[in-house]
C-alpha cells in the first residue's frame, strides 16, 4: 500500500494510524531517514539512516537498510517515505514475497504516485529499462491511498484506489474503491462530507475469506463479500 499526498497533507500521520492495525504477532521492520513513526507492536525493529561522519565514513543509506532488513525475515516492511533510488529496493521486495508493505510518496493522484515510484526506481544505480521499472511498479502496488489538505485546513483521505496493472499500451490502470464526496461547509467553515464506496469490487475481495478473516470485516462487508454471495 502506498500513501500519496502533497507536503503537509498528513501522510506520516496516516501511516502511523494504519501501522497501529498490524497484528502484534507480526515482525515489522521500520525504515526511515529520520525517526517519525511510533509503533507499539512488540516485534518491531527500527532502522534509521545515518549521514556520513566528517571524515566521510560511517554513512548508512536507506538502500543499505533494505539489504539488512531482508535478512531479518520481516512480515511487513514500513518505509517512512520514498525519496530516491531506494524505491527500486522496496518495489523488488514487494514482488519477492514481502506482502503488506507500507510507504508514503509525494504525489497528488494514484497515477502520479506510480509514475513517481517508477522515476525514483530509475534513479538507482541499477541500469533498468523503463518498461521493466514500470512493469515492476504495476505488479508491486495493490492499493494507493490519496490524502489531501483542503482549503479549510483539514486533512482527509480523498480516495482509496486499486492498481490494476498495465493496459495493452503499457499505461497504468486504476479504479477508485472509495471516494470522498464533499457536502458543503459547516457554519464554522469546515468542509463536510464522507468517504463513500464507488461500487467497484476489488480484485482481492475474496482474500479476507481465504485467509479466515471474514468475521472481522464489519464496516466494509459488502465490498469484501466473496463472489457469488
C-alpha atoms as a PDB file:
ATOM      1  CA  UNK A   1       0.000   0.000   0.000  1.00  0.00           C
ATOM      2  CA  UNK A   2       1.228   3.459  -0.934  1.00  0.00           C
ATOM      3  CA  UNK A   3       0.011   6.615   0.789  1.00  0.00           C
ATOM      4  CA  UNK A   4       0.224   9.508  -1.663  1.00  0.00           C
ATOM      5  CA  UNK A   5      -0.213  13.200  -0.959  1.00  0.00           C
ATOM      6  CA  UNK A   6       1.350  16.618  -1.031  1.00  0.00           C
ATOM      7  CA  UNK A   7       3.556  18.262   1.588  1.00  0.00           C
ATOM      8  CA  UNK A   8       1.756  18.607   4.910  1.00  0.00           C
ATOM      9  CA  UNK A   9      -1.208  16.501   3.822  1.00  0.00           C
ATOM     10  CA  UNK A  10      -0.844  14.040   6.712  1.00  0.00           C
ATOM     11  CA  UNK A  11       0.881  11.092   5.026  1.00  0.00           C
ATOM     12  CA  UNK A  12       3.031  10.166   8.028  1.00  0.00           C
ATOM     13  CA  UNK A  13       0.130  10.535  10.485  1.00  0.00           C
ATOM     14  CA  UNK A  14      -1.986   8.224   8.338  1.00  0.00           C
ATOM     15  CA  UNK A  15       0.885   5.763   8.025  1.00  0.00           C
ATOM     16  CA  UNK A  16       1.169   5.728  11.821  1.00  0.00           C
ATOM     17  CA  UNK A  17      -2.560   5.075  12.155  1.00  0.00           C
ATOM     18  CA  UNK A  18      -2.553   2.254   9.612  1.00  0.00           C
ATOM     19  CA  UNK A  19       0.553   0.694  11.131  1.00  0.00           C
ATOM     20  CA  UNK A  20      -1.213   0.534  14.503  1.00  0.00           C
ATOM     21  CA  UNK A  21      -3.607  -2.028  12.993  1.00  0.00           C
ATOM     22  CA  UNK A  22      -0.849  -4.526  12.157  1.00  0.00           C
ATOM     23  CA  UNK A  23      -1.268  -7.644  14.342  1.00  0.00           C
ATOM     24  CA  UNK A  24       1.073  -7.860  17.316  1.00  0.00           C
ATOM     25  CA  UNK A  25       2.415 -11.267  16.295  1.00  0.00           C
ATOM     26  CA  UNK A  26       3.901  -9.945  13.035  1.00  0.00           C
ATOM     27  CA  UNK A  27       7.539  -8.923  12.704  1.00  0.00           C
ATOM     28  CA  UNK A  28       7.749  -5.363  11.414  1.00  0.00           C
ATOM     29  CA  UNK A  29      10.817  -3.586  10.117  1.00  0.00           C
ATOM     30  CA  UNK A  30      10.537   0.211  10.001  1.00  0.00           C
ATOM     31  CA  UNK A  31      12.998   2.028   7.743  1.00  0.00           C
ATOM     32  CA  UNK A  32      13.308   5.821   7.884  1.00  0.00           C
ATOM     33  CA  UNK A  33      15.627   8.698   7.098  1.00  0.00           C
ATOM     34  CA  UNK A  34      14.748  10.263  10.439  1.00  0.00           C
ATOM     35  CA  UNK A  35      12.633   8.563  13.079  1.00  0.00           C
ATOM     36  CA  UNK A  36       8.991   9.692  12.955  1.00  0.00           C
ATOM     37  CA  UNK A  37       6.912   6.515  13.134  1.00  0.00           C
ATOM     38  CA  UNK A  38       5.997   5.116  16.536  1.00  0.00           C
ATOM     39  CA  UNK A  39       4.603   1.582  16.506  1.00  0.00           C
ATOM     40  CA  UNK A  40       3.555  -0.223  19.675  1.00  0.00           C
ATOM     41  CA  UNK A  41       3.827  -3.790  18.405  1.00  0.00           C
ATOM     42  CA  UNK A  42       6.392  -5.809  20.373  1.00  0.00           C
ATOM     43  CA  UNK A  43       8.146  -7.305  17.334  1.00  0.00           C
ATOM     44  CA  UNK A  44       9.115  -4.026  15.700  1.00  0.00           C
ATOM     45  CA  UNK A  45      12.658  -3.228  14.575  1.00  0.00           C
ATOM     46  CA  UNK A  46      13.574   0.377  13.763  1.00  0.00           C
ATOM     47  CA  UNK A  47      16.300   1.072  11.221  1.00  0.00           C
ATOM     48  CA  UNK A  48      17.391   4.669  10.690  1.00  0.00           C
ATOM     49  CA  UNK A  49      19.695   6.042   8.012  1.00  0.00           C
ATOM     50  CA  UNK A  50      22.848   7.820   9.138  1.00  0.00           C
ATOM     51  CA  UNK A  51      24.771  10.616   7.401  1.00  0.00           C
ATOM     52  CA  UNK A  52      28.488  10.289   6.846  1.00  0.00           C
ATOM     53  CA  UNK A  53      30.892  11.424   9.531  1.00  0.00           C
ATOM     54  CA  UNK A  54      33.160  14.431   8.884  1.00  0.00           C
ATOM     55  CA  UNK A  55      35.826  12.070   7.559  1.00  0.00           C
ATOM     56  CA  UNK A  56      33.348  10.622   5.049  1.00  0.00           C
ATOM     57  CA  UNK A  57      32.918   7.260   6.747  1.00  0.00           C
ATOM     58  CA  UNK A  58      30.021   5.649   8.544  1.00  0.00           C
ATOM     59  CA  UNK A  59      27.250   6.578   6.126  1.00  0.00           C
ATOM     60  CA  UNK A  60      24.244   4.245   6.210  1.00  0.00           C
ATOM     61  CA  UNK A  61      21.698   4.748   3.442  1.00  0.00           C
ATOM     62  CA  UNK A  62      18.091   3.618   3.113  1.00  0.00           C
ATOM     63  CA  UNK A  63      19.288   1.147   0.493  1.00  0.00           C
ATOM     64  CA  UNK A  64      21.788  -0.313   2.977  1.00  0.00           C
ATOM     65  CA  UNK A  65      18.978  -0.731   5.479  1.00  0.00           C
ATOM     66  CA  UNK A  66      16.848  -2.541   2.914  1.00  0.00           C
ATOM     67  CA  UNK A  67      19.576  -5.135   2.420  1.00  0.00           C
ATOM     68  CA  UNK A  68      19.803  -5.620   6.187  1.00  0.00           C
ATOM     69  CA  UNK A  69      16.021  -5.747   6.648  1.00  0.00           C
ATOM     70  CA  UNK A  70      15.551  -8.648   4.236  1.00  0.00           C
ATOM     71  CA  UNK A  71      17.844 -10.757   6.426  1.00  0.00           C
ATOM     72  CA  UNK A  72      15.501 -10.165   9.376  1.00  0.00           C
ATOM     73  CA  UNK A  73      12.640 -12.127   7.783  1.00  0.00           C
ATOM     74  CA  UNK A  74      10.049  -9.368   8.213  1.00  0.00           C
ATOM     75  CA  UNK A  75       6.329  -9.938   7.807  1.00  0.00           C
ATOM     76  CA  UNK A  76       5.962  -6.287   6.862  1.00  0.00           C
ATOM     77  CA  UNK A  77       8.316  -3.539   5.784  1.00  0.00           C
ATOM     78  CA  UNK A  78       7.239   0.007   6.603  1.00  0.00           C
ATOM     79  CA  UNK A  79       9.157   2.831   4.926  1.00  0.00           C
ATOM     80  CA  UNK A  80       8.550   6.372   6.166  1.00  0.00           C
ATOM     81  CA  UNK A  81       8.994   7.984   2.766  1.00  0.00           C
ATOM     82  CA  UNK A  82      10.470   7.041  -0.596  1.00  0.00           C
ATOM     83  CA  UNK A  83      12.607   9.853  -1.987  1.00  0.00           C
ATOM     84  CA  UNK A  84      15.373   8.342  -4.095  1.00  0.00           C
ATOM     85  CA  UNK A  85      16.623   5.170  -5.760  1.00  0.00           C
ATOM     86  CA  UNK A  86      15.660   3.024  -2.768  1.00  0.00           C
ATOM     87  CA  UNK A  87      12.258   2.855  -4.445  1.00  0.00           C
ATOM     88  CA  UNK A  88      13.642   0.021  -6.557  1.00  0.00           C
ATOM     89  CA  UNK A  89      14.610  -1.958  -3.451  1.00  0.00           C
ATOM     90  CA  UNK A  90      11.127  -1.508  -1.989  1.00  0.00           C
ATOM     91  CA  UNK A  91       9.395  -2.478  -5.226  1.00  0.00           C
ATOM     92  CA  UNK A  92      11.525  -5.580  -5.620  1.00  0.00           C
ATOM     93  CA  UNK A  93      10.953  -6.603  -2.008  1.00  0.00           C
ATOM     94  CA  UNK A  94       7.193  -6.258  -2.602  1.00  0.00           C
ATOM     95  CA  UNK A  95       7.206  -8.537  -5.629  1.00  0.00           C
ATOM     96  CA  UNK A  96       9.523 -11.072  -3.993  1.00  0.00           C
ATOM     97  CA  UNK A  97       7.041 -12.168  -1.355  1.00  0.00           C
ATOM     98  CA  UNK A  98       7.050  -9.388   1.266  1.00  0.00           C
ATOM     99  CA  UNK A  99       3.364  -8.542   1.109  1.00  0.00           C
ATOM    100  CA  UNK A 100       1.797  -5.926   3.348  1.00  0.00           C
ATOM    101  CA  UNK A 101       4.494  -3.302   2.797  1.00  0.00           C
ATOM    102  CA  UNK A 102       3.562   0.315   3.561  1.00  0.00           C
ATOM    103  CA  UNK A 103       5.172   3.550   2.423  1.00  0.00           C
ATOM    104  CA  UNK A 104       4.455   7.169   1.505  1.00  0.00           C
ATOM    105  CA  UNK A 105       5.324   9.208  -1.564  1.00  0.00           C
ATOM    106  CA  UNK A 106       4.846  12.809  -2.669  1.00  0.00           C
ATOM    107  CA  UNK A 107       2.147  12.707  -5.363  1.00  0.00           C
ATOM    108  CA  UNK A 108      -1.361  14.099  -5.821  1.00  0.00           C
ATOM    109  CA  UNK A 109      -3.003  11.268  -7.772  1.00  0.00           C
ATOM    110  CA  UNK A 110      -2.683   7.497  -7.991  1.00  0.00           C
ATOM    111  CA  UNK A 111      -1.186   7.732 -11.467  1.00  0.00           C
ATOM    112  CA  UNK A 112       1.304  10.377 -10.307  1.00  0.00           C
ATOM    113  CA  UNK A 113       2.300   8.134  -7.389  1.00  0.00           C
ATOM    114  CA  UNK A 114       3.034   5.200  -9.700  1.00  0.00           C
ATOM    115  CA  UNK A 115       4.981   7.368 -12.134  1.00  0.00           C
ATOM    116  CA  UNK A 116       6.996   8.875  -9.287  1.00  0.00           C
ATOM    117  CA  UNK A 117       7.903   5.444  -7.943  1.00  0.00           C
ATOM    118  CA  UNK A 118       8.866   4.404 -11.453  1.00  0.00           C
ATOM    119  CA  UNK A 119      11.048   7.505 -11.861  1.00  0.00           C
ATOM    120  CA  UNK A 120      12.695   7.017  -8.461  1.00  0.00           C
ATOM    121  CA  UNK A 121      13.410   3.376  -9.319  1.00  0.00           C
ATOM    122  CA  UNK A 122      15.255   4.542 -12.426  1.00  0.00           C
ATOM    123  CA  UNK A 123      17.398   6.799 -10.209  1.00  0.00           C
ATOM    124  CA  UNK A 124      19.003   3.769  -8.586  1.00  0.00           C
ATOM    125  CA  UNK A 125      22.451   2.585  -9.630  1.00  0.00           C
ATOM    126  CA  UNK A 126      20.884  -0.394 -11.408  1.00  0.00           C
ATOM    127  CA  UNK A 127      20.634   0.064 -15.190  1.00  0.00           C
ATOM    128  CA  UNK A 128      16.944  -0.734 -15.527  1.00  0.00           C
ATOM    129  CA  UNK A 129      14.943  -0.333 -18.761  1.00  0.00           C
ATOM    130  CA  UNK A 130      11.933   1.943 -18.390  1.00  0.00           C
ATOM    131  CA  UNK A 131       9.417  -0.741 -19.317  1.00  0.00           C
ATOM    132  CA  UNK A 132      10.870  -3.097 -16.693  1.00  0.00           C
ATOM    133  CA  UNK A 133      10.618  -0.441 -13.988  1.00  0.00           C
ATOM    134  CA  UNK A 134       7.024   0.268 -14.998  1.00  0.00           C
ATOM    135  CA  UNK A 135       6.086  -3.406 -15.022  1.00  0.00           C
ATOM    136  CA  UNK A 136       7.576  -3.927 -11.565  1.00  0.00           C
ATOM    137  CA  UNK A 137       5.803  -0.907 -10.075  1.00  0.00           C
ATOM    138  CA  UNK A 138       2.481  -2.022 -11.585  1.00  0.00           C
ATOM    139  CA  UNK A 139       2.966  -5.524 -10.207  1.00  0.00           C
ATOM    140  CA  UNK A 140       4.048  -4.433  -6.726  1.00  0.00           C
ATOM    141  CA  UNK A 141       1.411  -1.837  -5.840  1.00  0.00           C
ATOM    142  CA  UNK A 142      -2.025  -3.062  -4.841  1.00  0.00           C
ATOM    143  CA  UNK A 143      -3.658  -0.049  -3.183  1.00  0.00           C
ATOM    144  CA  UNK A 144      -2.949   3.686  -3.252  1.00  0.00           C
ATOM    145  CA  UNK A 145      -4.500   5.880  -0.567  1.00  0.00           C
ATOM    146  CA  UNK A 146      -4.672   9.513  -1.640  1.00  0.00           C
ATOM    147  CA  UNK A 147      -4.740  12.088   1.146  1.00  0.00           C
ATOM    148  CA  UNK A 148      -5.136  15.824   0.706  1.00  0.00           C
ATOM    149  CA  UNK A 149      -5.133  19.027   2.688  1.00  0.00           C
ATOM    150  CA  UNK A 150      -8.240  21.065   1.890  1.00  0.00           C
ATOM    151  CA  UNK A 151      -8.793  24.822   1.909  1.00  0.00           C
ATOM    152  CA  UNK A 152     -10.272  24.772   5.412  1.00  0.00           C
ATOM    153  CA  UNK A 153      -7.035  23.244   6.691  1.00  0.00           C
ATOM    154  CA  UNK A 154      -8.486  19.785   7.238  1.00  0.00           C
ATOM    155  CA  UNK A 155      -6.686  16.681   6.063  1.00  0.00           C
ATOM    156  CA  UNK A 156      -8.849  13.979   4.585  1.00  0.00           C
ATOM    157  CA  UNK A 157      -8.482  10.803   2.579  1.00  0.00           C
ATOM    158  CA  UNK A 158      -9.593  11.745  -0.921  1.00  0.00           C
ATOM    159  CA  UNK A 159      -9.694   8.299  -2.499  1.00  0.00           C
ATOM    160  CA  UNK A 160      -8.745   4.670  -1.939  1.00  0.00           C
ATOM    161  CA  UNK A 161      -7.656   3.330  -5.296  1.00  0.00           C
ATOM    162  CA  UNK A 162      -6.803  -0.137  -6.556  1.00  0.00           C
ATOM    163  CA  UNK A 163      -3.993  -0.654  -9.041  1.00  0.00           C
ATOM    164  CA  UNK A 164      -4.985  -2.907 -11.939  1.00  0.00           C
ATOM    165  CA  UNK A 165      -1.562  -3.254 -13.533  1.00  0.00           C
ATOM    166  CA  UNK A 166      -0.853  -2.137 -17.091  1.00  0.00           C
ATOM    167  CA  UNK A 167      -3.133  -1.992 -20.104  1.00  0.00           C
ATOM    168  CA  UNK A 168      -2.164  -3.267 -23.558  1.00  0.00           C
ATOM    169  CA  UNK A 169      -0.455   0.060 -24.286  1.00  0.00           C
ATOM    170  CA  UNK A 170       1.714  -0.101 -21.178  1.00  0.00           C
ATOM    171  CA  UNK A 171      -0.180   2.558 -19.217  1.00  0.00           C
ATOM    172  CA  UNK A 172      -1.103   2.230 -15.554  1.00  0.00           C
ATOM    173  CA  UNK A 173      -4.698   1.299 -14.790  1.00  0.00           C
ATOM    174  CA  UNK A 174      -6.547   2.308 -11.631  1.00  0.00           C
ATOM    175  CA  UNK A 175     -10.040   2.368 -10.248  1.00  0.00           C
ATOM    176  CA  UNK A 176     -11.364   4.085  -7.142  1.00  0.00           C
ATOM    177  CA  UNK A 177     -12.889   1.819  -4.495  1.00  0.00           C
ATOM    178  CA  UNK A 178     -13.777   4.684  -2.165  1.00  0.00           C
ATOM    179  CA  UNK A 179     -14.009   8.379  -2.903  1.00  0.00           C
ATOM    180  CA  UNK A 180     -14.525  11.407  -0.670  1.00  0.00           C
ATOM    181  CA  UNK A 181     -17.703  13.269  -1.524  1.00  0.00           C
ATOM    182  CA  UNK A 182     -17.989  16.810  -0.197  1.00  0.00           C
ATOM    183  CA  UNK A 183     -21.355  18.020   1.060  1.00  0.00           C
ATOM    184  CA  UNK A 184     -20.614  21.698   1.659  1.00  0.00           C
ATOM    185  CA  UNK A 185     -19.299  23.751   4.568  1.00  0.00           C
ATOM    186  CA  UNK A 186     -20.379  23.863   8.199  1.00  0.00           C
ATOM    187  CA  UNK A 187     -21.329  27.215   9.816  1.00  0.00           C
ATOM    188  CA  UNK A 188     -17.762  27.278  11.152  1.00  0.00           C
ATOM    189  CA  UNK A 189     -16.370  26.926   7.644  1.00  0.00           C
ATOM    190  CA  UNK A 190     -15.308  23.287   7.961  1.00  0.00           C
ATOM    191  CA  UNK A 191     -15.612  21.004   4.962  1.00  0.00           C
ATOM    192  CA  UNK A 192     -18.346  18.392   5.365  1.00  0.00           C
ATOM    193  CA  UNK A 193     -18.514  15.067   3.574  1.00  0.00           C
ATOM    194  CA  UNK A 194     -17.649  11.401   3.865  1.00  0.00           C
ATOM    195  CA  UNK A 195     -15.909   8.538   2.137  1.00  0.00           C
ATOM    196  CA  UNK A 196     -18.333   6.510   0.053  1.00  0.00           C
ATOM    197  CA  UNK A 197     -17.805   3.270  -1.889  1.00  0.00           C
ATOM    198  CA  UNK A 198     -17.882   3.645  -5.647  1.00  0.00           C
ATOM    199  CA  UNK A 199     -19.498   0.245  -6.122  1.00  0.00           C
ATOM    200  CA  UNK A 200     -16.364  -1.281  -7.621  1.00  0.00           C
ATOM    201  CA  UNK A 201     -15.423  -4.652  -6.156  1.00  0.00           C
ATOM    202  CA  UNK A 202     -11.648  -5.041  -5.664  1.00  0.00           C
ATOM    203  CA  UNK A 203      -9.908  -7.944  -7.341  1.00  0.00           C
ATOM    204  CA  UNK A 204      -8.676  -9.066  -3.914  1.00  0.00           C
ATOM    205  CA  UNK A 205     -12.188  -9.118  -2.395  1.00  0.00           C
ATOM    206  CA  UNK A 206     -12.062 -12.829  -1.623  1.00  0.00           C
ATOM    207  CA  UNK A 207      -8.721 -12.710   0.205  1.00  0.00           C
ATOM    208  CA  UNK A 208     -10.307 -11.937   3.571  1.00  0.00           C
ATOM    209  CA  UNK A 209     -12.389 -15.098   3.298  1.00  0.00           C
ATOM    210  CA  UNK A 210      -9.469 -17.184   2.031  1.00  0.00           C
ATOM    211  CA  UNK A 211      -7.320 -16.092   4.985  1.00  0.00           C
ATOM    212  CA  UNK A 212     -10.063 -16.759   7.521  1.00  0.00           C
ATOM    213  CA  UNK A 213     -10.703 -13.107   8.348  1.00  0.00           C
ATOM    214  CA  UNK A 214     -14.246 -12.766   7.020  1.00  0.00           C
ATOM    215  CA  UNK A 215     -15.677 -12.497  10.551  1.00  0.00           C
ATOM    216  CA  UNK A 216     -13.501  -9.414  11.158  1.00  0.00           C
ATOM    217  CA  UNK A 217     -14.878  -7.481   8.200  1.00  0.00           C
ATOM    218  CA  UNK A 218     -17.558  -5.150   9.520  1.00  0.00           C
ATOM    219  CA  UNK A 219     -17.770  -1.664   8.025  1.00  0.00           C
ATOM    220  CA  UNK A 220     -16.802  -2.810   4.527  1.00  0.00           C
ATOM    221  CA  UNK A 221     -18.536  -6.196   4.489  1.00  0.00           C
ATOM    222  CA  UNK A 222     -20.435  -5.572   1.246  1.00  0.00           C
ATOM    223  CA  UNK A 223     -17.222  -4.630  -0.523  1.00  0.00           C
ATOM    224  CA  UNK A 224     -15.436  -7.802   0.548  1.00  0.00           C
ATOM    225  CA  UNK A 225     -18.160 -10.397   0.244  1.00  0.00           C
ATOM    226  CA  UNK A 226     -16.854 -13.419  -1.696  1.00  0.00           C
ATOM    227  CA  UNK A 227     -18.036 -13.702  -5.268  1.00  0.00           C
ATOM    228  CA  UNK A 228     -21.411 -15.412  -5.640  1.00  0.00           C
ATOM    229  CA  UNK A 229     -22.726 -14.500  -2.164  1.00  0.00           C
END
